[in-house]
Every structure is written in structure tokens, then in C-alpha cells.
Protein backbone atom coordinates (compact mmCIF):
# COMPACT_ATOMS: atom_id res chain seq x y z
CA MET A 1 272.18 83.12 16.76
CA VAL A 2 268.75 84.61 17.38
CA ALA A 3 268.82 88.39 17.37
CA PHE A 4 267.59 90.22 20.47
CA ASP A 5 267.91 87.02 22.52
CA ARG A 6 269.22 88.72 25.66
CA PRO A 7 269.03 88.28 29.42
CA HIS A 8 265.89 89.63 31.04
CA GLY A 9 266.12 93.35 31.69
CA MET A 10 269.13 94.03 29.43
CA THR A 11 268.23 97.05 27.32
CA PRO A 12 270.39 99.60 25.53
CA PRO A 13 271.11 102.78 27.50
CA GLN A 14 268.96 105.81 26.77
CA ALA A 15 270.64 108.63 28.72
CA GLN A 16 272.90 109.57 25.81
CA TRP A 17 269.94 110.76 23.76
CA GLU A 18 269.35 113.49 26.37
CA LEU A 19 272.62 115.16 25.42
CA PRO A 20 272.28 118.57 23.70
CA PHE A 21 273.36 117.09 20.37
CA PHE A 22 269.82 115.71 19.98
CA ASN A 23 266.35 117.25 19.62
CA GLN A 24 262.93 116.10 20.82
CA HIS A 25 262.16 114.14 17.68
CA HIS A 26 265.41 112.23 18.20
CA HIS A 27 264.31 111.31 21.74
CA THR A 28 260.96 110.11 20.41
CA LEU A 29 262.69 108.06 17.71
CA ALA A 30 265.04 106.44 20.23
CA LEU A 31 262.26 105.44 22.61
CA GLY A 32 260.06 104.03 19.85
CA LEU A 33 262.92 102.07 18.34
CA ALA A 34 263.92 100.57 21.69
CA ASP A 35 260.35 99.40 22.32
CA TRP A 36 260.10 97.85 18.85
CA ALA A 37 263.52 96.23 19.01
CA GLY A 38 262.72 94.42 22.23
CA ALA A 39 259.92 92.49 20.54
CA GLN A 40 261.89 91.17 17.54
CA ARG A 41 263.17 87.63 17.03
CA VAL A 42 265.08 86.64 13.89
CA ASP A 43 266.91 83.39 13.26
CA GLU A 44 270.27 84.51 11.84
CA SER A 45 271.76 81.09 11.12
CA ASP A 46 271.36 81.84 7.39
CA ASP A 47 272.66 85.39 6.92
CA ARG A 48 271.06 85.94 3.50
CA ARG A 49 267.63 84.79 4.53
CA ALA A 50 267.93 86.72 7.79
CA CYS A 51 268.99 89.90 6.00
CA ARG A 52 265.91 89.72 3.77
CA GLU A 53 263.77 89.25 6.87
CA TRP A 54 265.38 92.22 8.58
CA VAL A 55 264.79 94.45 5.56
CA HIS A 56 261.15 93.36 5.53
CA LYS A 57 260.71 93.99 9.27
CA LEU A 58 262.51 97.34 9.22
CA GLY A 59 260.52 98.47 6.19
CA GLU A 60 257.18 97.32 7.58
CA ALA A 61 257.84 99.11 10.88
CA GLY A 62 258.84 102.34 9.13
CA TRP A 63 262.47 102.50 10.25
CA LEU A 64 263.84 102.39 6.70
CA ARG A 65 262.04 105.66 6.03
CA TYR A 66 264.99 107.35 7.74
CA CYS A 67 267.20 106.23 4.83
CA VAL A 68 265.47 108.49 2.28
CA PRO A 69 264.01 112.03 2.24
CA ALA A 70 260.33 112.73 2.83
CA ALA A 71 259.72 113.66 -0.81
CA HIS A 72 260.20 110.00 -1.69
CA GLY A 73 258.57 108.24 1.23
CA GLY A 74 261.05 109.15 3.95
CA ALA A 75 260.42 110.16 7.55
CA LEU A 76 262.26 113.52 7.49
CA ASP A 77 262.74 116.28 4.91
CA LYS A 78 266.37 115.30 4.39
CA LEU A 79 268.80 112.64 5.55
CA ASP A 80 269.47 113.28 9.22
CA SER A 81 272.82 112.04 10.54
CA ARG A 82 271.69 112.02 14.16
CA ALA A 83 268.68 109.86 13.35
CA LEU A 84 271.00 107.47 11.50
CA VAL A 85 273.29 107.38 14.53
CA ILE A 86 270.40 106.53 16.87
CA LEU A 87 269.11 103.81 14.59
CA ARG A 88 272.47 102.17 13.98
CA GLU A 89 273.66 102.32 17.59
CA THR A 90 270.41 100.82 18.87
CA LEU A 91 270.14 98.13 16.20
CA ALA A 92 273.81 97.14 16.57
CA PHE A 93 273.33 96.75 20.32
CA HIS A 94 270.83 94.00 19.60
CA SER A 95 271.95 92.54 16.28
CA PRO A 96 274.85 93.59 14.05
CA LEU A 97 273.03 91.96 11.13
CA ALA A 98 269.96 94.14 11.74
CA ASP A 99 272.25 97.16 11.68
CA PHE A 100 273.84 95.88 8.47
CA ALA A 101 270.44 95.48 6.79
CA PHE A 102 269.43 99.01 7.75
CA ALA A 103 272.75 100.63 6.84
CA MET A 104 272.99 99.05 3.41
CA GLN A 105 269.56 100.38 2.47
CA GLY A 106 270.83 103.86 3.19
CA LEU A 107 274.30 103.50 1.68
CA GLY A 108 273.00 101.67 -1.38
CA SER A 109 270.46 104.37 -2.17
CA GLY A 110 272.39 107.39 -0.88
CA SER A 111 273.90 108.31 -4.25
CA ILE A 112 270.44 108.31 -5.81
CA THR A 113 269.19 110.58 -3.03
CA LEU A 114 272.08 112.99 -3.61
CA GLY A 115 272.43 112.95 -7.39
CA GLY A 116 269.76 110.79 -8.96
CA SER A 117 267.19 111.95 -11.51
CA ASP A 118 263.56 112.41 -10.52
CA ALA A 119 262.74 109.16 -12.30
CA GLN A 120 265.50 107.24 -10.47
CA ARG A 121 264.41 108.61 -7.13
CA GLU A 122 260.78 107.78 -7.74
CA GLN A 123 261.56 104.28 -8.95
CA ARG A 124 264.00 103.32 -6.20
CA LEU A 125 263.76 105.40 -3.04
CA ARG A 126 260.15 104.68 -2.08
CA ALA A 127 260.81 100.97 -2.57
CA VAL A 128 263.92 101.21 -0.38
CA ALA A 129 261.93 103.01 2.32
CA ASN A 130 259.27 100.33 2.57
CA GLY A 131 261.64 97.38 2.16
CA ALA A 132 260.28 96.33 -1.24
CA GLN A 133 263.73 96.66 -2.86
CA ILE A 134 267.16 95.88 -1.42
CA ALA A 135 269.93 98.32 -2.37
CA ALA A 136 273.70 97.90 -2.74
CA PHE A 137 276.71 100.21 -3.16
CA ALA A 138 279.38 98.81 -5.53
CA LEU A 139 282.64 100.73 -5.30
CA SER A 140 285.48 98.39 -4.21
CA GLU A 141 287.44 96.22 -6.63
CA PRO A 142 290.11 93.52 -6.25
CA GLU A 143 292.86 96.10 -6.84
CA ALA A 144 290.99 99.24 -5.77
CA GLY A 145 289.82 99.44 -2.18
CA SER A 146 291.10 102.54 -0.43
CA ASP A 147 292.61 103.62 -3.77
CA VAL A 148 289.29 104.33 -5.47
CA ALA A 149 290.94 106.13 -8.39
CA GLY A 150 292.66 102.88 -9.31
CA MET A 151 289.44 101.12 -10.30
CA LYS A 152 289.41 99.21 -13.58
CA THR A 153 285.70 98.63 -14.19
CA SER A 154 284.76 100.63 -17.28
CA ALA A 155 281.60 102.04 -18.78
CA ARG A 156 281.31 103.13 -22.42
CA GLN A 157 278.44 104.56 -24.38
CA ALA A 158 276.89 102.28 -27.00
CA ASP A 159 273.54 101.88 -28.72
CA GLY A 160 271.90 104.67 -26.77
CA GLY A 161 272.97 103.29 -23.42
CA TRP A 162 276.03 102.13 -21.48
CA VAL A 163 278.10 98.95 -21.47
CA LEU A 164 279.96 97.98 -18.27
CA ASP A 165 282.92 95.61 -18.06
CA GLY A 166 284.99 94.62 -15.03
CA SER A 167 284.40 93.43 -11.50
CA LYS A 168 283.56 94.66 -8.02
CA THR A 169 284.26 92.78 -4.81
CA TRP A 170 283.40 92.88 -1.10
CA ILE A 171 279.99 94.17 -2.15
CA SER A 172 277.50 94.13 0.71
CA ASN A 173 274.13 92.66 -0.33
CA GLY A 174 275.87 91.19 -3.37
CA GLY A 175 273.64 88.52 -4.87
CA LEU A 176 270.80 89.73 -2.64
CA ALA A 177 270.13 93.26 -3.87
CA ASP A 178 267.47 94.27 -6.37
CA PHE A 179 269.75 97.00 -7.74
CA TYR A 180 273.35 98.20 -7.43
CA VAL A 181 274.78 101.69 -7.63
CA VAL A 182 277.96 100.87 -9.55
CA PHE A 183 280.95 103.17 -10.01
CA ALA A 184 282.96 102.78 -13.21
CA LYS A 185 285.59 104.59 -15.26
CA THR A 186 284.09 106.60 -18.10
CA THR A 187 287.30 108.51 -18.84
CA PRO A 188 290.03 105.89 -18.27
CA ASP A 189 293.04 108.20 -17.94
CA ALA A 190 291.43 110.82 -15.71
CA GLY A 191 291.90 109.08 -12.35
CA ALA A 192 289.24 110.03 -9.80
CA ARG A 193 287.89 112.67 -12.18
CA GLY A 194 286.93 109.99 -14.72
CA ILE A 195 284.47 107.96 -12.61
CA SER A 196 280.70 107.85 -13.13
CA ALA A 197 277.86 106.16 -11.23
CA PHE A 198 275.14 103.92 -12.65
CA VAL A 199 272.03 102.17 -11.36
CA VAL A 200 272.33 98.54 -12.45
CA PRO A 201 269.33 96.27 -11.81
CA ALA A 202 270.10 92.78 -10.52
CA ASP A 203 268.71 91.19 -13.68
CA ALA A 204 270.78 93.31 -16.08
CA PRO A 205 272.19 91.15 -18.90
CA GLY A 206 275.90 90.55 -18.41
CA LEU A 207 275.84 90.90 -14.59
CA ASP A 208 276.93 87.84 -12.57
CA THR A 209 276.50 88.01 -8.77
CA SER A 210 276.86 84.30 -8.00
CA GLU A 211 280.33 84.43 -6.39
CA HIS A 212 279.51 84.79 -2.70
CA ILE A 213 282.17 85.65 -0.12
CA ASP A 214 282.26 83.97 3.30
CA VAL A 215 283.69 86.02 6.15
CA MET A 216 284.32 85.54 9.88
CA ALA A 217 281.12 87.36 10.85
CA PRO A 218 278.55 86.18 8.29
CA HIS A 219 277.11 88.95 6.14
CA PRO A 220 275.81 88.83 2.55
CA LEU A 221 278.87 89.68 0.44
CA ALA A 222 279.71 88.88 -3.17
CA THR A 223 281.93 89.64 -6.13
CA LEU A 224 280.09 91.23 -9.07
CA LYS A 225 281.27 90.50 -12.59
CA PHE A 226 280.28 92.69 -15.53
CA THR A 227 280.69 91.22 -18.99
CA ASN A 228 279.32 93.42 -21.73
CA CYS A 229 276.65 94.42 -19.19
CA ARG A 230 274.14 96.72 -20.85
CA VAL A 231 272.05 99.40 -19.14
CA GLY A 232 270.01 102.24 -20.56
CA ALA A 233 271.03 105.87 -20.89
CA ASP A 234 268.80 106.59 -17.90
CA ALA A 235 271.06 104.44 -15.66
CA LEU A 236 273.61 107.27 -15.23
CA VAL A 237 273.41 108.83 -11.75
CA GLY A 238 274.32 112.50 -11.78
CA THR A 239 276.78 113.69 -14.41
CA VAL A 240 279.34 111.88 -16.52
CA ASP A 241 282.66 111.76 -14.61
CA GLY A 242 280.94 113.05 -11.47
CA GLY A 243 280.86 109.70 -9.71
CA PHE A 244 283.86 110.07 -7.40
CA LYS A 245 282.45 113.16 -5.74
CA LEU A 246 279.08 111.44 -5.43
CA ALA A 247 280.65 108.36 -3.82
CA MET A 248 282.60 110.47 -1.32
CA GLN A 249 279.51 112.53 -0.43
CA THR A 250 277.55 109.33 0.15
CA LEU A 251 280.25 107.85 2.36
CA ASP A 252 280.52 111.14 4.27
CA ILE A 253 276.84 110.92 5.22
CA PHE A 254 277.19 107.44 6.66
CA ARG A 255 280.70 107.60 8.18
CA ALA A 256 279.46 108.86 11.53
CA SER A 257 276.83 106.14 11.50
CA VAL A 258 279.56 103.49 11.17
CA ALA A 259 280.97 104.91 14.39
CA ALA A 260 277.50 104.58 15.91
CA ALA A 261 277.29 100.91 14.93
CA ALA A 262 280.62 100.32 16.68
CA LEU A 263 279.24 102.14 19.72
CA GLY A 264 276.20 99.87 19.78
CA MET A 265 278.38 96.77 19.75
CA ALA A 266 280.67 98.19 22.45
CA ARG A 267 277.71 99.07 24.66
CA ARG A 268 276.33 95.54 24.28
CA ALA A 269 279.70 94.00 25.21
CA PHE A 270 279.90 96.33 28.21
CA ALA A 271 276.38 95.40 29.33
CA GLU A 272 277.24 91.71 28.98
CA ALA A 273 280.44 92.22 30.99
CA VAL A 274 278.64 94.06 33.80
CA ALA A 275 275.95 91.38 34.02
CA HIS A 276 278.58 88.64 34.03
CA ALA A 277 280.68 90.36 36.71
CA ARG A 278 277.64 90.71 38.98
CA GLN A 279 276.65 87.04 38.83
CA ARG A 280 279.98 85.19 38.39
CA LYS A 281 281.16 83.73 41.70
CA MET A 282 284.82 83.01 42.42
CA PHE A 283 286.96 82.77 45.54
CA GLY A 284 283.93 83.26 47.77
CA GLN A 285 282.75 86.50 46.20
CA HIS A 286 281.51 87.89 42.91
CA LEU A 287 283.79 88.92 40.06
CA ALA A 288 282.44 92.47 40.43
CA ASP A 289 283.87 92.69 43.95
CA PHE A 290 287.47 92.59 42.70
CA GLN A 291 289.12 95.96 42.17
CA LEU A 292 290.76 94.76 38.98
CA THR A 293 287.32 94.03 37.54
CA GLN A 294 286.05 97.45 38.60
CA ALA A 295 289.06 99.14 37.00
CA ARG A 296 288.54 97.24 33.76
CA LEU A 297 284.84 98.18 33.65
CA GLY A 298 285.83 101.79 34.31
CA GLU A 299 288.22 101.73 31.37
CA MET A 300 285.56 100.24 29.11
CA SER A 301 283.07 102.91 30.16
CA ALA A 302 285.52 105.74 29.46
CA LEU A 303 286.40 104.35 26.03
CA ILE A 304 282.72 104.18 25.12
CA ASP A 305 281.97 107.70 26.35
CA ALA A 306 284.93 109.20 24.49
CA ALA A 307 283.84 107.56 21.25
CA ALA A 308 280.23 108.61 21.79
CA MET A 309 281.10 112.29 22.15
CA LEU A 310 283.05 112.31 18.89
CA THR A 311 280.31 110.38 17.08
CA TYR A 312 277.47 112.62 18.23
CA ARG A 313 279.54 115.76 17.54
CA ALA A 314 280.19 114.68 13.96
CA ALA A 315 276.51 113.88 13.35
CA TRP A 316 275.46 117.21 14.88
CA MET A 317 277.97 119.12 12.77
CA ARG A 318 276.63 117.61 9.56
CA ASP A 319 273.03 118.35 10.48
CA GLU A 320 273.25 121.72 12.19
CA SER A 321 276.53 123.59 11.81
CA PRO A 322 276.35 126.32 9.13
CA THR A 323 280.14 126.61 8.90
CA GLN A 324 281.35 123.09 9.77
CA GLY A 325 278.63 120.93 8.26
CA ALA A 326 278.35 118.61 5.28
CA GLY A 327 281.08 118.98 2.68
CA THR A 328 283.43 121.09 4.81
CA PRO A 329 286.97 120.05 5.78
CA ALA A 330 285.99 120.44 9.43
CA TYR A 331 283.17 117.90 9.11
CA THR A 332 285.33 115.46 7.13
CA ALA A 333 287.91 115.56 9.94
CA ALA A 334 285.26 115.22 12.63
CA ALA A 335 283.70 112.22 10.90
CA ALA A 336 287.14 110.64 10.48
CA ALA A 337 287.90 111.14 14.18
CA ALA A 338 284.57 109.59 15.12
CA LYS A 339 284.92 106.58 12.85
CA LEU A 340 288.52 105.94 13.88
CA THR A 341 287.97 106.33 17.62
CA ALA A 342 284.66 104.49 17.87
CA THR A 343 285.76 101.44 15.89
CA GLU A 344 289.17 101.15 17.54
CA ASN A 345 287.73 101.70 21.03
CA ALA A 346 284.94 99.20 20.40
CA GLN A 347 287.52 96.59 19.42
CA ARG A 348 289.29 97.19 22.74
CA VAL A 349 286.07 97.12 24.79
CA ILE A 350 284.87 93.89 23.21
CA ASP A 351 288.28 92.27 23.66
CA MET A 352 288.17 93.20 27.36
CA ALA A 353 284.70 91.71 27.66
CA VAL A 354 285.86 88.44 26.11
CA GLN A 355 288.81 88.35 28.52
CA MET A 356 286.49 88.94 31.48
CA PHE A 357 284.35 85.98 30.43
CA GLY A 358 287.41 83.73 30.35
CA GLY A 359 287.02 80.45 28.47
CA ARG A 360 283.31 81.04 28.12
CA GLY A 361 284.06 84.20 26.14
CA VAL A 362 285.45 82.30 23.16
CA ARG A 363 282.71 79.68 23.04
CA VAL A 364 280.75 79.86 19.79
CA GLY A 365 277.27 81.18 20.48
CA GLU A 366 278.20 83.56 23.28
CA VAL A 367 277.21 87.17 22.60
CA VAL A 368 280.73 88.49 23.28
CA GLU A 369 282.25 85.88 20.95
CA HIS A 370 279.87 86.96 18.19
CA LEU A 371 280.66 90.62 18.81
CA TYR A 372 284.40 89.86 18.71
CA ARG A 373 283.96 88.69 15.11
CA ASP A 374 281.43 91.35 14.17
CA ILE A 375 283.48 94.37 15.22
CA ARG A 376 286.61 93.54 13.26
CA SER A 377 285.34 94.56 9.84
CA LEU A 378 284.25 98.02 10.99
CA ARG A 379 287.90 99.04 11.31
CA ILE A 380 288.30 98.29 7.58
CA TYR A 381 285.18 99.13 5.60
CA GLU A 382 284.05 102.61 4.53
CA GLY A 383 287.57 103.90 5.09
CA ALA A 384 290.08 101.84 7.06
CA SER A 385 291.53 103.24 10.29
CA GLU A 386 294.74 104.09 8.43
CA VAL A 387 292.78 106.20 5.94
CA GLN A 388 291.11 108.09 8.78
CA LEU A 389 294.52 108.76 10.31
CA LEU A 390 295.72 110.22 7.01
CA ILE A 391 292.63 112.46 6.80
CA LEU A 392 293.26 113.74 10.32
CA GLY A 393 297.00 114.21 9.74
CA LYS A 394 296.46 116.20 6.54
CA ALA A 395 293.80 118.32 8.29
CA ALA A 396 296.25 119.09 11.10
CA LEU A 397 298.92 120.21 8.63
CA LYS A 398 296.48 122.63 6.98
CA THR A 399 295.63 124.44 10.21
């Protein structure tokens, strides 16, 4: 698949950026990104090579600067959730792999932005912002996905540094990244309160990233194995045993942006469905002339709009609300609602688009077929839909 290879005139919608959730600099960002995106061509037949190319392109064009704060080469004074939403929705409309490349730069470096030392920030963030280094976030394990506290990877102090043992799996950019932010148990019996974070360079002795994972929608994934893996004392991010909070804060920043990526894919499927309905002839008229088609398109549109409102609200709350912003229970619930609704609705919209295309919709190489595979993982990663439901249920019981 070649990214951005779309029918003439098909562009992502822009009207949503005029909503009061966004400011003038967001409008400017959206317009500039749309113009840039329309000129890009990337051969994505090899996902690892393509991901490197996307990081290079995004860094060279300045879009990765939105992943880090201005003090370390970023575009804005602090991480801006609405800018992340605009970037991910627009990129995902064109290429889910482009969105992946962008998002992993932010997620992989987010813990350093939030809790890293001055030296860590200076060494890593500027390189992330210009695409010189590829970042990765290593939290999940074979027996610890949603149950983060159940992780087994350990880190112990030795010889003036740290020694890591264990494994991580489903790690995005695994085997591709220049460094990993790795979460490990430093106090084994303390559950979530015994986790710390470390910056582990790709060439650290004792780190094996060779076990790649193939999935239905190709993305660079791998299992990381740590065997007496040694890093310096300066590898610790934040405080000892402060890693769980740091991981959750990082995921909180990007949860609304996952919803935005789902929105971008849903909008692309909707645009493909509308274009197909207008040109597909059957029974002496166009598919768009049938009321059943019109009703289905109406349902798709409503699902997208409902998800968009929750996504933009969550991003606005994190950026602007003094009482319901970052770190508050209200924001956590809003982000959960956005992630749950956008990913589940996008799955429905894309499924409807495939159905509207008929047999052509399941042919390998069709945009809607690709989207059908791409969307599925968003309902699982960075907090599965079931986890979001639990967050919302617990929040309701506290009110």
C-alpha cells in the first residue's frame, strides 16, 4: 500500500477544527498539515522501512516537534492534547502507519518529558523532535497487559547502576527504536507501588530485540528480552518506585489521541463509502440513490460526530480546564469515554463501509479492507475497551 494514494479530490474534513474546542493556532496547524500530507508518498510494503521513512519525513517537516515541549526543541511550551488530536486524526485519515510513527515518538518519550532529568531530556527529546532518534514505550509483558502491577521484569542496583532481567512484549517500535523507556519492578512485593522507569538504549548489553511479532495490520512490534541487562545510574526516570504513576500519566496524555486516530480512520472509511455510493451503478441507478444506502451513511455520520465530540472535549479538558484537567478523575473519565466510543464507533463505521463495497470491500489492497485490519488493535492497546468501561463504571459509582 502506498500512503496518501487516494482518489482525486478526497481530502480530510476541516470543519471540525472550527469548533470552540480549538484555538487559532490549532486551525493553522490543521491547514498546514493537510497541505503537507497531500504531497506525501510512502511505500508501506515493508512496515519497518516505511516507519523509519515516516519518522524521517515527520521530523524533517517539523510535525514531531509537537511531541515534546519547546524547551527541548518542541513547537509549543507544553504538550498540547488538541494539537496531538489534530495530528493523529489527520495522519490516520491518510495512513495509519504514519499515525503510528508519530504517536510512538510521543508515547515513547512522554515519560522523559514528564519525569526525566535535565540530562535525559536534553539527550533524547530534541532527537525525538527532529526524527534523529526513534522512541519506544515498554510496559506490557506476556502475563501483564491490563494488569500492569503483575509485571515480572525486575531491576536491581549493582555496580553503581541497574541490572534488568525479564521480558516485554507487544512493544511498538521494538527492534526499530534507538531507546526504550522500560518499566520494571524495583520493589518486587509492592505491586504497582514498586515499579520504576528506565531509559534503555537499543545497544545496551543484555538486551535482545530480535523477536519480531507479525500482526494482521503490519506494524513494527517485538518482544524485548533482558538478560543481566546493565544500564547506568542515570538511566532511572523520575524516582525509584515512581514508575507506575509516570506510566499512567503518560498514557493519560495520549489516550484522547488514540480516539483521534480512530476518528481519522472512520472519516476515511466514510469518505470512501460516500465516493463509492456516488459512482457505483446498479439496477439502473447509483447506489447513493437507494434509501437504505442513505440511512447507512447517516448512521455512519452520526457515529463519527458523537465520537468526535467526546474526543475533542477530553483534549480540551486536559489543556484548558482548571478543575477537570490533567490528573483529575473527571479528565480520566472523559478520556476513557472518548477512547471507548471513538474506537468502538470506528470499528462499526469501517465495517459498514466494507459491507457497502460488497465483495470489493474484502479484496486485499482496497482502502476499506486495510482500514478493517488497522482499526481492530485500537480497541485493545493503551487500555482495552473493557478497561475503559471499568473506569467509567467506577467513576459513576463515586458520584
